[in-house]
C-alpha atoms as a PDB file:
ATOM      1  CA  UNK A   1     -27.236 -12.800   7.282  1.00  0.00           C
ATOM      2  CA  UNK A   2     -25.109 -14.261   4.461  1.00  0.00           C
ATOM      3  CA  UNK A   3     -22.900 -11.262   3.835  1.00  0.00           C
ATOM      4  CA  UNK A   4     -22.466 -10.872   7.597  1.00  0.00           C
ATOM      5  CA  UNK A   5     -21.613 -14.557   7.942  1.00  0.00           C
ATOM      6  CA  UNK A   6     -18.916 -14.663   5.281  1.00  0.00           C
ATOM      7  CA  UNK A   7     -17.388 -11.305   6.167  1.00  0.00           C
ATOM      8  CA  UNK A   8     -17.460 -12.182   9.838  1.00  0.00           C
ATOM      9  CA  UNK A   9     -16.174 -15.669   9.175  1.00  0.00           C
ATOM     10  CA  UNK A  10     -13.131 -14.377   7.354  1.00  0.00           C
ATOM     11  CA  UNK A  11     -12.222 -11.874  10.027  1.00  0.00           C
ATOM     12  CA  UNK A  12     -13.178 -14.188  12.828  1.00  0.00           C
ATOM     13  CA  UNK A  13     -11.329 -17.176  11.559  1.00  0.00           C
ATOM     14  CA  UNK A  14      -8.135 -15.292  10.997  1.00  0.00           C
ATOM     15  CA  UNK A  15      -8.009 -13.480  14.276  1.00  0.00           C
ATOM     16  CA  UNK A  16      -8.624 -14.772  17.728  1.00  0.00           C
ATOM     17  CA  UNK A  17     -11.432 -16.824  16.281  1.00  0.00           C
ATOM     18  CA  UNK A  18      -9.305 -19.654  15.015  1.00  0.00           C
ATOM     19  CA  UNK A  19      -7.248 -19.520  18.179  1.00  0.00           C
ATOM     20  CA  UNK A  20     -10.282 -19.909  20.401  1.00  0.00           C
ATOM     21  CA  UNK A  21     -13.096 -21.327  18.292  1.00  0.00           C
ATOM     22  CA  UNK A  22     -12.837 -24.973  19.187  1.00  0.00           C
ATOM     23  CA  UNK A  23     -11.396 -24.651  22.645  1.00  0.00           C
ATOM     24  CA  UNK A  24     -14.380 -26.222  24.386  1.00  0.00           C
ATOM     25  CA  UNK A  25     -12.600 -29.121  26.109  1.00  0.00           C
ATOM     26  CA  UNK A  26      -8.971 -28.002  26.081  1.00  0.00           C
ATOM     27  CA  UNK A  27      -7.422 -24.637  25.309  1.00  0.00           C
ATOM     28  CA  UNK A  28      -4.901 -24.419  22.516  1.00  0.00           C
ATOM     29  CA  UNK A  29      -1.367 -24.078  23.796  1.00  0.00           C
ATOM     30  CA  UNK A  30      -0.653 -20.690  22.227  1.00  0.00           C
ATOM     31  CA  UNK A  31       0.821 -17.494  23.592  1.00  0.00           C
ATOM     32  CA  UNK A  32      -1.257 -14.461  24.391  1.00  0.00           C
ATOM     33  CA  UNK A  33      -0.552 -11.099  22.830  1.00  0.00           C
ATOM     34  CA  UNK A  34      -0.243  -9.841  19.277  1.00  0.00           C
ATOM     35  CA  UNK A  35      -0.867 -12.358  16.472  1.00  0.00           C
ATOM     36  CA  UNK A  36      -0.502 -11.858  12.728  1.00  0.00           C
ATOM     37  CA  UNK A  37      -2.602 -14.129  10.551  1.00  0.00           C
ATOM     38  CA  UNK A  38      -2.545 -14.520   6.772  1.00  0.00           C
ATOM     39  CA  UNK A  39      -5.655 -15.960   5.140  1.00  0.00           C
ATOM     40  CA  UNK A  40      -6.334 -17.139   1.618  1.00  0.00           C
ATOM     41  CA  UNK A  41      -9.989 -17.673   0.732  1.00  0.00           C
ATOM     42  CA  UNK A  42     -11.671 -19.406  -2.174  1.00  0.00           C
ATOM     43  CA  UNK A  43     -15.305 -18.370  -2.512  1.00  0.00           C
ATOM     44  CA  UNK A  44     -17.602 -19.816  -5.155  1.00  0.00           C
ATOM     45  CA  UNK A  45     -21.296 -20.018  -5.917  1.00  0.00           C
ATOM     46  CA  UNK A  46     -24.164 -17.579  -5.613  1.00  0.00           C
ATOM     47  CA  UNK A  47     -25.018 -15.422  -2.642  1.00  0.00           C
ATOM     48  CA  UNK A  48     -27.574 -17.474  -0.713  1.00  0.00           C
ATOM     49  CA  UNK A  49     -30.431 -15.040  -0.915  1.00  0.00           C
ATOM     50  CA  UNK A  50     -33.770 -16.576  -1.883  1.00  0.00           C
ATOM     51  CA  UNK A  51     -35.054 -15.454  -5.276  1.00  0.00           C
ATOM     52  CA  UNK A  52     -38.304 -14.437  -3.605  1.00  0.00           C
ATOM     53  CA  UNK A  53     -36.402 -11.824  -1.582  1.00  0.00           C
ATOM     54  CA  UNK A  54     -34.479 -10.565  -4.615  1.00  0.00           C
ATOM     55  CA  UNK A  55     -37.719 -10.310  -6.628  1.00  0.00           C
ATOM     56  CA  UNK A  56     -39.138  -7.867  -4.050  1.00  0.00           C
ATOM     57  CA  UNK A  57     -36.398  -5.326  -4.774  1.00  0.00           C
ATOM     58  CA  UNK A  58     -36.717  -2.539  -7.347  1.00  0.00           C
ATOM     59  CA  UNK A  59     -34.592  -3.212 -10.444  1.00  0.00           C
ATOM     60  CA  UNK A  60     -31.991  -0.526  -9.674  1.00  0.00           C
ATOM     61  CA  UNK A  61     -31.603  -1.657  -6.062  1.00  0.00           C
ATOM     62  CA  UNK A  62     -31.292  -5.282  -7.206  1.00  0.00           C
ATOM     63  CA  UNK A  63     -28.573  -4.343  -9.715  1.00  0.00           C
ATOM     64  CA  UNK A  64     -26.650  -2.366  -7.049  1.00  0.00           C
ATOM     65  CA  UNK A  65     -26.912  -5.234  -4.582  1.00  0.00           C
ATOM     66  CA  UNK A  66     -25.745  -7.807  -7.135  1.00  0.00           C
ATOM     67  CA  UNK A  67     -22.777  -5.614  -8.119  1.00  0.00           C
ATOM     68  CA  UNK A  68     -21.858  -5.080  -4.457  1.00  0.00           C
ATOM     69  CA  UNK A  69     -22.067  -8.800  -3.763  1.00  0.00           C
ATOM     70  CA  UNK A  70     -19.899  -9.635  -6.756  1.00  0.00           C
ATOM     71  CA  UNK A  71     -17.323  -7.087  -5.607  1.00  0.00           C
ATOM     72  CA  UNK A  72     -17.417  -8.564  -2.098  1.00  0.00           C
ATOM     73  CA  UNK A  73     -16.824 -12.068  -3.466  1.00  0.00           C
ATOM     74  CA  UNK A  74     -13.879 -10.830  -5.521  1.00  0.00           C
ATOM     75  CA  UNK A  75     -12.418  -9.118  -2.446  1.00  0.00           C
ATOM     76  CA  UNK A  76     -12.894 -12.251  -0.335  1.00  0.00           C
ATOM     77  CA  UNK A  77     -10.812 -14.284  -2.805  1.00  0.00           C
ATOM     78  CA  UNK A  78      -7.743 -12.121  -2.214  1.00  0.00           C
ATOM     79  CA  UNK A  79      -5.153 -13.041   0.417  1.00  0.00           C
ATOM     80  CA  UNK A  80      -5.157 -10.750   3.417  1.00  0.00           C
ATOM     81  CA  UNK A  81      -3.191 -10.369   6.607  1.00  0.00           C
ATOM     82  CA  UNK A  82      -4.670  -9.231   9.882  1.00  0.00           C
ATOM     83  CA  UNK A  83      -3.357  -8.555  13.363  1.00  0.00           C
ATOM     84  CA  UNK A  84      -5.278  -9.275  16.523  1.00  0.00           C
ATOM     85  CA  UNK A  85      -4.705  -9.070  20.258  1.00  0.00           C
ATOM     86  CA  UNK A  86      -5.481 -12.361  22.014  1.00  0.00           C
ATOM     87  CA  UNK A  87      -5.961 -12.764  25.763  1.00  0.00           C
ATOM     88  CA  UNK A  88      -5.907 -15.975  27.791  1.00  0.00           C
ATOM     89  CA  UNK A  89      -9.552 -15.430  28.691  1.00  0.00           C
ATOM     90  CA  UNK A  90     -10.411 -15.408  24.961  1.00  0.00           C
ATOM     91  CA  UNK A  91      -8.474 -18.607  24.356  1.00  0.00           C
ATOM     92  CA  UNK A  92     -10.081 -20.326  27.358  1.00  0.00           C
ATOM     93  CA  UNK A  93     -13.630 -19.070  26.782  1.00  0.00           C
ATOM     94  CA  UNK A  94     -13.878 -19.933  23.098  1.00  0.00           C
ATOM     95  CA  UNK A  95     -17.157 -19.040  21.418  1.00  0.00           C
ATOM     96  CA  UNK A  96     -20.539 -19.054  22.991  1.00  0.00           C
ATOM     97  CA  UNK A  97     -23.653 -19.638  20.909  1.00  0.00           C
ATOM     98  CA  UNK A  98     -25.155 -16.162  20.663  1.00  0.00           C
ATOM     99  CA  UNK A  99     -28.278 -15.238  18.785  1.00  0.00           C
ATOM    100  CA  UNK A 100     -27.401 -12.399  16.436  1.00  0.00           C
ATOM    101  CA  UNK A 101     -30.084 -10.693  14.407  1.00  0.00           C
ATOM    102  CA  UNK A 102     -32.366 -13.718  14.255  1.00  0.00           C
ATOM    103  CA  UNK A 103     -29.466 -16.064  13.510  1.00  0.00           C
ATOM    104  CA  UNK A 104     -28.514 -18.826  15.914  1.00  0.00           C
ATOM    105  CA  UNK A 105     -25.284 -20.790  15.677  1.00  0.00           C
ATOM    106  CA  UNK A 106     -24.429 -24.086  17.335  1.00  0.00           C
ATOM    107  CA  UNK A 107     -20.819 -25.196  17.614  1.00  0.00           C
ATOM    108  CA  UNK A 108     -19.733 -28.736  18.458  1.00  0.00           C
ATOM    109  CA  UNK A 109     -16.148 -29.698  19.303  1.00  0.00           C
ATOM    110  CA  UNK A 110     -15.041 -32.802  17.419  1.00  0.00           C
ATOM    111  CA  UNK A 111     -11.459 -32.945  18.709  1.00  0.00           C
ATOM    112  CA  UNK A 112      -9.870 -30.744  21.323  1.00  0.00           C
ATOM    113  CA  UNK A 113      -6.316 -30.885  22.601  1.00  0.00           C
ATOM    114  CA  UNK A 114      -3.632 -28.303  23.365  1.00  0.00           C
ATOM    115  CA  UNK A 115      -2.204 -28.787  19.849  1.00  0.00           C
ATOM    116  CA  UNK A 116      -5.214 -29.551  17.652  1.00  0.00           C
ATOM    117  CA  UNK A 117      -8.855 -28.482  17.528  1.00  0.00           C
ATOM    118  CA  UNK A 118     -11.670 -29.414  15.166  1.00  0.00           C
ATOM    119  CA  UNK A 119     -15.271 -28.296  15.363  1.00  0.00           C
ATOM    120  CA  UNK A 120     -18.422 -28.108  13.304  1.00  0.00           C
ATOM    121  CA  UNK A 121     -20.842 -25.198  13.224  1.00  0.00           C
ATOM    122  CA  UNK A 122     -24.438 -24.831  12.068  1.00  0.00           C
ATOM    123  CA  UNK A 123     -26.257 -21.487  11.828  1.00  0.00           C
ATOM    124  CA  UNK A 124     -29.898 -20.895  10.989  1.00  0.00           C
ATOM    125  CA  UNK A 125     -31.466 -17.582  10.034  1.00  0.00           C
ATOM    126  CA  UNK A 126     -34.827 -16.458   8.747  1.00  0.00           C
ATOM    127  CA  UNK A 127     -34.067 -17.227   5.079  1.00  0.00           C
ATOM    128  CA  UNK A 128     -30.667 -18.910   5.121  1.00  0.00           C
ATOM    129  CA  UNK A 129     -28.653 -21.682   6.723  1.00  0.00           C
ATOM    130  CA  UNK A 130     -24.916 -22.208   7.054  1.00  0.00           C
ATOM    131  CA  UNK A 131     -22.748 -25.173   7.934  1.00  0.00           C
ATOM    132  CA  UNK A 132     -19.033 -25.177   8.479  1.00  0.00           C
ATOM    133  CA  UNK A 133     -16.036 -27.036   9.790  1.00  0.00           C
ATOM    134  CA  UNK A 134     -12.853 -25.631  11.299  1.00  0.00           C
ATOM    135  CA  UNK A 135      -9.531 -27.354  11.938  1.00  0.00           C
ATOM    136  CA  UNK A 136      -6.596 -25.783  13.802  1.00  0.00           C
ATOM    137  CA  UNK A 137      -3.114 -27.001  14.568  1.00  0.00           C
ATOM    138  CA  UNK A 138      -0.821 -25.265  17.046  1.00  0.00           C
ATOM    139  CA  UNK A 139       2.566 -26.437  15.764  1.00  0.00           C
ATOM    140  CA  UNK A 140       4.107 -24.501  18.643  1.00  0.00           C
ATOM    141  CA  UNK A 141       2.912 -21.836  21.101  1.00  0.00           C
ATOM    142  CA  UNK A 142       3.905 -19.217  18.487  1.00  0.00           C
ATOM    143  CA  UNK A 143       2.599 -20.761  15.241  1.00  0.00           C
ATOM    144  CA  UNK A 144      -0.815 -21.983  14.125  1.00  0.00           C
ATOM    145  CA  UNK A 145      -2.271 -23.223  10.874  1.00  0.00           C
ATOM    146  CA  UNK A 146      -5.860 -23.895  10.052  1.00  0.00           C
ATOM    147  CA  UNK A 147      -8.569 -24.512   7.517  1.00  0.00           C
ATOM    148  CA  UNK A 148     -12.205 -23.529   7.386  1.00  0.00           C
ATOM    149  CA  UNK A 149     -14.893 -24.807   5.035  1.00  0.00           C
ATOM    150  CA  UNK A 150     -18.344 -23.204   5.009  1.00  0.00           C
ATOM    151  CA  UNK A 151     -21.474 -23.499   2.900  1.00  0.00           C
ATOM    152  CA  UNK A 152     -24.369 -21.050   3.098  1.00  0.00           C
ATOM    153  CA  UNK A 153     -27.700 -21.793   1.436  1.00  0.00           C
ATOM    154  CA  UNK A 154     -30.762 -19.685   0.828  1.00  0.00           C
ATOM    155  CA  UNK A 155     -33.521 -20.637  -1.561  1.00  0.00           C
ATOM    156  CA  UNK A 156     -31.864 -22.423  -4.460  1.00  0.00           C
ATOM    157  CA  UNK A 157     -28.561 -20.535  -4.064  1.00  0.00           C
ATOM    158  CA  UNK A 158     -25.476 -21.889  -2.302  1.00  0.00           C
ATOM    159  CA  UNK A 159     -22.140 -20.232  -1.660  1.00  0.00           C
ATOM    160  CA  UNK A 160     -19.074 -22.138  -0.505  1.00  0.00           C
ATOM    161  CA  UNK A 161     -15.948 -20.773   1.143  1.00  0.00           C
ATOM    162  CA  UNK A 162     -12.636 -22.537   1.793  1.00  0.00           C
ATOM    163  CA  UNK A 163      -9.956 -20.754   3.793  1.00  0.00           C
ATOM    164  CA  UNK A 164      -6.373 -21.656   4.635  1.00  0.00           C
ATOM    165  CA  UNK A 165      -4.644 -19.618   7.312  1.00  0.00           C
ATOM    166  CA  UNK A 166      -1.251 -19.302   8.933  1.00  0.00           C
ATOM    167  CA  UNK A 167      -0.739 -17.370  12.153  1.00  0.00           C
ATOM    168  CA  UNK A 168       2.344 -16.297  14.011  1.00  0.00           C
ATOM    169  CA  UNK A 169       2.813 -14.714  17.397  1.00  0.00           C
ATOM    170  CA  UNK A 170       4.521 -11.312  17.258  1.00  0.00           C
ATOM    171  CA  UNK A 171       4.917 -10.567  20.961  1.00  0.00           C
ATOM    172  CA  UNK A 172       3.192  -9.772  24.225  1.00  0.00           C
ATOM    173  CA  UNK A 173       2.626  -6.072  23.436  1.00  0.00           C
ATOM    174  CA  UNK A 174      -0.488  -5.530  21.315  1.00  0.00           C
ATOM    175  CA  UNK A 175       0.226  -1.839  20.814  1.00  0.00           C
ATOM    176  CA  UNK A 176      -2.943   0.007  19.812  1.00  0.00           C
ATOM    177  CA  UNK A 177      -4.903  -3.158  18.960  1.00  0.00           C
ATOM    178  CA  UNK A 178      -7.451  -3.940  21.667  1.00  0.00           C
ATOM    179  CA  UNK A 179      -8.474  -7.505  22.586  1.00  0.00           C
ATOM    180  CA  UNK A 180     -11.342  -8.656  20.388  1.00  0.00           C
ATOM    181  CA  UNK A 181     -10.478  -6.134  17.630  1.00  0.00           C
ATOM    182  CA  UNK A 182      -8.787  -6.826  14.308  1.00  0.00           C
ATOM    183  CA  UNK A 183      -6.389  -4.662  12.309  1.00  0.00           C
ATOM    184  CA  UNK A 184      -6.677  -5.536   8.611  1.00  0.00           C
ATOM    185  CA  UNK A 185      -3.660  -4.850   6.404  1.00  0.00           C
END
């Protein structure tokens, strides 16, 4: 769940996610179409996998997993730019609370207006839990900024992620990018 959460969070938050995440009471006043979003993450801590789960793995598999996780954390700390195609339905609908692979997430809008959205999120899985807060500002219909702070815990391990993002509208034509998909540069 943890790797999925942080990978998904980064992609989600930078694409339509931060445009629609908190839009429970009022939709953000942003244009539909192609958006380009630049994200800078700061990830720290240990992957929130309980030691009891790690202890079950053979030594070689454990070493491969730890190396892969360290590489993933290093990659997450690099700035990246993505493009996404956003529809009005996505902005209006926001996120539901789906169960995914035994994980359930609840999202609560704290503030919601056409120019600013704040929400909190809590996810619970079999071995891990995650909490997060998101804040978005639509400075204009063609420019957004936002922050995301998340903490994932499993066993005695906790990983924290802080993200700052800036998005700009590129136009109505999404080209080959389909709604709900992300093109990572």
